[in-house]
Protein backbone atom coordinates (compact mmCIF):
# COMPACT_ATOMS: atom_id res chain seq x y z
CA UNK A 1 7.44 9.58 -30.58
CA UNK A 2 9.89 9.30 -27.66
CA UNK A 3 9.63 8.26 -23.99
CA UNK A 4 9.21 11.85 -22.74
CA UNK A 5 6.11 12.45 -24.79
CA UNK A 6 4.70 8.98 -23.55
CA UNK A 7 5.42 10.06 -19.86
CA UNK A 8 3.54 13.30 -20.42
CA UNK A 9 0.56 11.52 -22.02
CA UNK A 10 0.46 9.21 -18.92
CA UNK A 11 0.70 12.24 -16.55
CA UNK A 12 -2.11 14.05 -18.39
CA UNK A 13 -4.44 11.00 -18.04
CA UNK A 14 -3.61 10.72 -14.46
CA UNK A 15 -4.18 14.26 -13.53
CA UNK A 16 -7.05 14.99 -15.96
CA UNK A 17 -5.64 18.57 -16.46
CA UNK A 18 -3.08 20.04 -18.79
CA UNK A 19 -2.22 22.56 -16.01
CA UNK A 20 -1.76 20.10 -13.12
CA UNK A 21 0.04 17.57 -15.41
CA UNK A 22 2.54 20.26 -16.77
CA UNK A 23 3.22 21.29 -13.11
CA UNK A 24 3.70 17.63 -12.00
CA UNK A 25 6.18 17.06 -14.80
CA UNK A 26 7.90 20.42 -14.13
CA UNK A 27 7.47 22.24 -17.56
CA UNK A 28 5.16 24.99 -18.79
CA UNK A 29 1.63 24.37 -19.75
CA UNK A 30 2.22 25.65 -23.39
CA UNK A 31 5.28 23.31 -23.72
CA UNK A 32 3.31 20.33 -22.44
CA UNK A 33 0.36 21.05 -24.63
CA UNK A 34 2.62 20.99 -27.65
CA UNK A 35 4.19 17.75 -26.77
CA UNK A 36 0.60 16.12 -26.53
CA UNK A 37 -0.16 17.64 -29.82
CA UNK A 38 3.04 16.27 -31.34
CA UNK A 39 2.18 12.83 -30.08
CA UNK A 40 -1.34 13.04 -31.56
CA UNK A 41 0.35 14.19 -34.99
CA UNK A 42 2.65 11.29 -34.69
CA UNK A 43 -0.14 8.89 -34.48
CA UNK A 44 -2.49 10.81 -36.78
CA UNK A 45 -5.46 10.89 -34.62
CA UNK A 46 -6.89 12.38 -31.44
CA UNK A 47 -5.89 10.87 -28.25
CA UNK A 48 -7.79 12.95 -25.64
CA UNK A 49 -11.37 14.06 -25.84
CA UNK A 50 -10.87 17.71 -24.95
CA UNK A 51 -14.70 18.15 -24.95
CA UNK A 52 -14.96 16.03 -21.94
CA UNK A 53 -14.20 18.08 -18.58
CA UNK A 54 -12.33 15.02 -17.27
CA UNK A 55 -10.17 14.66 -20.39
CA UNK A 56 -11.18 11.11 -21.15
CA UNK A 57 -8.90 9.16 -23.64
CA UNK A 58 -10.30 8.34 -26.88
CA UNK A 59 -10.50 4.70 -28.04
CA UNK A 60 -7.13 5.39 -29.57
CA UNK A 61 -5.70 7.06 -26.72
CA UNK A 62 -6.67 4.22 -24.43
CA UNK A 63 -4.53 1.82 -26.53
CA UNK A 64 -1.71 4.32 -26.67
CA UNK A 65 -1.90 4.36 -22.75
CA UNK A 66 -1.69 0.75 -22.30
CA UNK A 67 1.44 0.59 -24.38
CA UNK A 68 2.92 3.80 -22.97
CA UNK A 69 2.66 2.41 -19.44
CA UNK A 70 4.61 -0.71 -20.45
CA UNK A 71 7.10 1.02 -22.56
CA UNK A 72 7.87 3.66 -20.03
CA UNK A 73 8.09 1.23 -16.97
CA UNK A 74 10.05 -1.28 -19.18
CA UNK A 75 12.68 1.33 -20.00
CA UNK A 76 12.92 2.21 -16.24
CA UNK A 77 13.42 -1.55 -15.31
CA UNK A 78 16.01 -2.07 -18.07
CA UNK A 79 18.04 0.97 -16.63
CA UNK A 80 17.72 -0.35 -13.06
CA UNK A 81 18.77 -3.93 -13.86
CA UNK A 82 21.82 -3.02 -16.01
CA UNK A 83 22.75 -0.40 -13.30
CA UNK A 84 22.51 -3.39 -10.56
CA UNK A 85 24.18 -5.94 -12.74
CA UNK A 86 27.58 -5.87 -10.85
CA UNK A 87 26.92 -4.50 -7.40
CA UNK A 88 24.21 -2.38 -5.69
CA UNK A 89 25.85 1.01 -6.01
CA UNK A 90 23.06 2.45 -8.23
CA UNK A 91 19.50 2.21 -9.50
CA UNK A 92 16.21 2.32 -7.64
CA UNK A 93 14.20 -0.07 -5.47
CA UNK A 94 10.34 0.40 -5.44
CA UNK A 95 7.99 -1.58 -3.17
CA UNK A 96 4.81 -1.15 -1.24
CA UNK A 97 3.34 -2.12 2.02
CA UNK A 98 0.02 -2.15 4.12
CA UNK A 99 -0.08 0.08 7.04
CA UNK A 100 0.33 -2.69 9.54
CA UNK A 101 3.65 -3.97 8.11
CA UNK A 102 4.97 -0.40 7.33
CA UNK A 103 4.79 0.62 11.14
CA UNK A 104 7.34 -2.15 12.18
CA UNK A 105 8.71 -4.84 9.84
CA UNK A 106 9.29 -2.53 6.75
CA UNK A 107 11.13 0.36 8.51
CA UNK A 108 13.57 -1.92 10.06
CA UNK A 109 14.23 -3.81 6.75
CA UNK A 110 14.74 -0.41 4.93
CA UNK A 111 17.06 0.81 7.45
CA UNK A 112 19.32 -2.23 6.97
CA UNK A 113 19.16 -2.15 3.35
CA UNK A 114 20.10 1.57 2.97
CA UNK A 115 22.77 1.19 5.43
CA UNK A 116 24.44 -1.56 3.25
CA UNK A 117 23.39 -0.06 -0.08
CA UNK A 118 23.31 3.64 0.51
CA UNK A 119 23.46 4.67 -3.26
CA UNK A 120 20.43 2.66 -4.35
CA UNK A 121 17.30 4.84 -4.20
CA UNK A 122 14.60 3.36 -2.00
CA UNK A 123 10.90 4.36 -2.53
CA UNK A 124 8.07 2.63 -0.76
CA UNK A 125 4.27 3.54 -0.64
CA UNK A 126 1.71 2.58 1.85
CA UNK A 127 -1.70 1.56 0.96
CA UNK A 128 -4.58 -0.93 1.05
CA UNK A 129 -4.64 -4.24 -0.98
CA UNK A 130 -6.50 -2.53 -3.97
CA UNK A 131 -4.14 0.28 -4.43
CA UNK A 132 -1.03 -2.01 -3.88
CA UNK A 133 -2.30 -4.66 -6.26
CA UNK A 134 -2.97 -1.93 -8.90
CA UNK A 135 0.61 -0.38 -8.37
CA UNK A 136 2.08 -3.95 -8.91
CA UNK A 137 0.24 -4.51 -12.26
CA UNK A 138 1.33 -0.95 -13.55
CA UNK A 139 4.90 -2.03 -12.36
CA UNK A 140 5.03 1.21 -10.17
CA UNK A 141 6.46 -1.33 -7.39
CA UNK A 142 8.22 -4.67 -7.63
CA UNK A 143 6.48 -6.35 -4.67
CA UNK A 144 4.74 -5.27 -1.57
CA UNK A 145 3.81 -6.65 1.87
CA UNK A 146 0.26 -7.36 2.68
CA UNK A 147 -2.41 -9.94 3.89
CA UNK A 148 -1.86 -12.64 1.34
CA UNK A 149 -5.35 -14.10 1.78
CA UNK A 150 -6.46 -11.52 -0.93
CA UNK A 151 -3.84 -12.60 -3.50
CA UNK A 152 -2.77 -16.24 -2.82
CA UNK A 153 -5.46 -17.79 -4.93
CA UNK A 154 -4.85 -15.51 -7.99
CA UNK A 155 -2.36 -17.04 -10.51
CA UNK A 156 -1.45 -13.30 -11.35
CA UNK A 157 0.31 -13.12 -8.10
CA UNK A 158 3.19 -15.03 -6.49
CA UNK A 159 3.08 -14.84 -2.46
CA UNK A 160 5.51 -15.77 0.02
CA UNK A 161 4.12 -15.99 3.49
CA UNK A 162 5.51 -14.28 6.71
CA UNK A 163 4.67 -14.81 10.47
CA UNK A 164 1.15 -14.11 11.34
CA UNK A 165 0.62 -11.08 13.50
CA UNK A 166 -2.24 -11.21 16.00
CA UNK A 167 -4.62 -8.26 15.83
CA UNK A 168 -6.00 -6.83 19.01
CA UNK A 169 -8.45 -4.04 20.17
CA UNK A 170 -7.02 -1.20 22.08
CA UNK A 171 -8.19 2.14 23.76
CA UNK A 172 -6.79 4.88 26.11
CA UNK A 173 -6.21 3.71 29.55
CA UNK A 174 -9.10 5.96 30.94
CA UNK A 175 -11.74 4.49 28.47
CA UNK A 176 -15.13 3.58 30.07
CA UNK A 177 -14.41 0.03 28.96
CA UNK A 178 -11.31 -0.28 30.74
CA UNK A 179 -13.38 -0.64 34.02
CA UNK A 180 -14.71 -3.97 32.74
CA UNK A 181 -12.80 -7.33 33.22
CA UNK A 182 -13.98 -8.56 29.89
CA UNK A 183 -16.11 -7.30 27.01
CA UNK A 184 -19.06 -8.59 24.89
CA UNK A 185 -19.32 -7.64 21.18
CA UNK A 186 -22.35 -5.31 21.75
CA UNK A 187 -20.15 -3.18 24.06
CA UNK A 188 -17.26 -2.85 21.72
CA UNK A 189 -19.58 -1.70 18.80
CA UNK A 190 -21.05 1.08 20.81
CA UNK A 191 -17.92 3.11 20.15
CA UNK A 192 -16.39 4.23 16.78
CA UNK A 193 -13.54 1.84 15.59
CA UNK A 194 -10.29 3.18 14.17
CA UNK A 195 -7.67 1.40 12.13
CA UNK A 196 -5.91 1.06 8.71
CA UNK A 197 -7.94 -0.21 5.61
CA UNK A 198 -8.71 -3.88 6.55
CA UNK A 199 -8.62 -6.89 4.24
CA UNK A 200 -12.05 -8.10 3.02
CA UNK A 201 -11.82 -11.21 5.16
CA UNK A 202 -11.04 -9.01 8.25
CA UNK A 203 -14.05 -6.66 7.49
CA UNK A 204 -16.26 -9.78 7.18
CA UNK A 205 -15.44 -11.06 10.54
CA UNK A 206 -16.04 -7.60 12.27
CA UNK A 207 -19.39 -7.35 10.29
CA UNK A 208 -20.38 -10.82 11.56
CA UNK A 209 -19.56 -9.85 15.15
CA UNK A 210 -21.48 -6.59 14.89
CA UNK A 211 -24.59 -8.29 13.27
CA UNK A 212 -24.23 -6.35 10.08
CA UNK A 213 -23.79 -7.43 6.44
CA UNK A 214 -20.75 -5.13 6.10
CA UNK A 215 -18.75 -2.75 8.45
CA UNK A 216 -16.68 0.09 7.62
CA UNK A 217 -14.31 1.68 10.14
CA UNK A 218 -15.55 4.96 11.47
CA UNK A 219 -11.94 6.38 11.22
CA UNK A 220 -9.50 4.85 8.66
CA UNK A 221 -6.03 6.00 7.78
CA UNK A 222 -2.82 4.20 6.57
CA UNK A 223 -1.03 6.25 9.22
CA UNK A 224 -1.09 4.10 12.32
CA UNK A 225 0.83 6.49 14.48
CA UNK A 226 -1.96 9.13 13.64
CA UNK A 227 -4.69 6.66 14.56
CA UNK A 228 -2.99 5.88 17.95
CA UNK A 229 -3.07 9.55 18.71
CA UNK A 230 -6.89 9.66 18.03
CA UNK A 231 -7.38 6.53 20.02
CA UNK A 232 -5.33 8.13 23.01
CA UNK A 233 -7.35 11.43 22.83
CA UNK A 234 -10.82 10.12 22.37
CA UNK A 235 -13.16 7.08 23.12
CA UNK A 236 -12.48 5.45 19.84
CA UNK A 237 -11.44 1.74 19.77
CA UNK A 238 -8.27 1.02 17.66
CA UNK A 239 -7.47 -2.18 15.95
CA UNK A 240 -3.76 -3.14 15.17
CA UNK A 241 -1.38 -5.82 15.53
CA UNK A 242 0.11 -6.56 18.99
CA UNK A 243 3.64 -6.22 17.91
CA UNK A 244 2.97 -2.74 16.85
CA UNK A 245 1.30 -1.84 20.08
CA UNK A 246 3.49 -3.82 22.46
CA UNK A 247 5.82 -1.01 23.77
CA UNK A 248 2.87 1.47 24.17
CA UNK A 249 1.03 -1.13 26.04
CA UNK A 250 3.94 -1.88 28.39
CA UNK A 251 4.46 1.89 29.08
CA UNK A 252 0.69 2.12 29.99
CA UNK A 253 0.20 4.46 27.16
CA UNK A 254 -2.65 2.20 25.76
CA UNK A 255 -4.82 -0.47 27.19
CA UNK A 256 -5.68 -3.76 25.49
CA UNK A 257 -9.31 -4.83 25.47
CA UNK A 258 -10.09 -8.36 26.47
CA UNK A 259 -13.22 -10.26 25.24
CA UNK A 260 -15.78 -12.35 27.41
CA UNK A 261 -16.12 -15.73 25.78
CA UNK A 262 -13.96 -14.75 22.87
CA UNK A 263 -15.65 -15.61 19.66
CA UNK A 264 -13.97 -18.49 17.70
CA UNK A 265 -13.74 -16.38 14.59
CA UNK A 266 -11.83 -13.71 16.19
CA UNK A 267 -8.63 -15.31 15.21
CA UNK A 268 -9.45 -14.48 11.57
CA UNK A 269 -8.65 -10.85 12.39
CA UNK A 270 -5.08 -11.76 12.68
CA UNK A 271 -2.88 -10.44 9.95
CA UNK A 272 -1.35 -13.02 7.59
CA UNK A 273 1.24 -10.91 6.23
CA UNK A 274 3.40 -11.87 3.17
CA UNK A 275 5.34 -10.70 0.19
CA UNK A 276 3.41 -10.30 -2.94
CA UNK A 277 4.96 -9.95 -6.58
CA UNK A 278 3.70 -10.77 -10.03
CA UNK A 279 3.92 -14.26 -11.31
CA UNK A 280 6.37 -14.79 -14.06
CA UNK A 281 8.43 -11.60 -13.51
CA UNK A 282 12.02 -11.63 -12.40
CA UNK A 283 12.72 -9.18 -9.40
CA UNK A 284 15.72 -6.84 -9.50
CA UNK A 285 18.70 -7.78 -7.49
CA UNK A 286 17.66 -4.89 -5.06
CA UNK A 287 14.28 -6.29 -4.52
CA UNK A 288 15.73 -9.81 -3.90
CA UNK A 289 18.19 -8.44 -1.22
CA UNK A 290 15.30 -6.37 0.44
CA UNK A 291 13.08 -9.68 0.51
CA UNK A 292 15.98 -11.45 2.08
CA UNK A 293 16.03 -8.79 4.79
CA UNK A 294 12.34 -8.98 5.42
CA UNK A 295 12.48 -12.70 5.83
CA UNK A 296 15.30 -12.61 8.35
CA UNK A 297 13.77 -9.79 10.37
CA UNK A 298 10.44 -11.61 10.31
CA UNK A 299 12.17 -14.89 11.60
CA UNK A 300 13.79 -12.94 14.53
CA UNK A 301 10.56 -11.65 15.50
């Protein structure tokens, strides 16, 4: 048994296909299959139910998967920390972000970081709260930026608050609603809503405003630039933070919608961003330096 075999086994259960997993790992399918068979011989049991079209792990395979994830990630963390012991001229930084923070705060911090430490490989993923939390627990990333209301009460996570970001509704300047001085909630919900995946608390506020038990955005994507283009070319109503939209609003490319008798709970739609990491785990030197840059940029506004 070696780490290579464990990586292949993890890939197999992620892709649910010998062909796709072998392709993802950059080897031939026969060689990939032999590696999995060798791992099963090492343990003396079948690890994957080949009779199941989804290639589900057996009970033994599930146990092996849990340990394999920890071992493979532990080896990567060990290598990364040793490489960064003296100075940041090697290693890798892995982090994540929600879409709203990824549009402004994160790119600025990454640009500063790679300018100072160009030899550190920097990887970041964009996702919703559920996927980011899963990636953190799998140790695919060291920390992420997201609305901390989802995580601050959970002892498994450690949170560091950043400055709240006010969320606003926006549309194209020629939108029918732009002729109105202020809006009612009924007028707003007559049009499709577009935005990134919203935290549960924000969805609940929107649902209450619309008179529904739950509310799903009509158009949802982690790519805010694409969502903004959709809004500019349709009658969809977008939701994003004011900081992200300010330049486009100032240029007249987008219009901000204003409420009549603004509902008191509309403030709950504001993003409460923060840095989320796992409790009890020491961050790498690179992660600590990136967090310092995020905090500095956040304070500067």
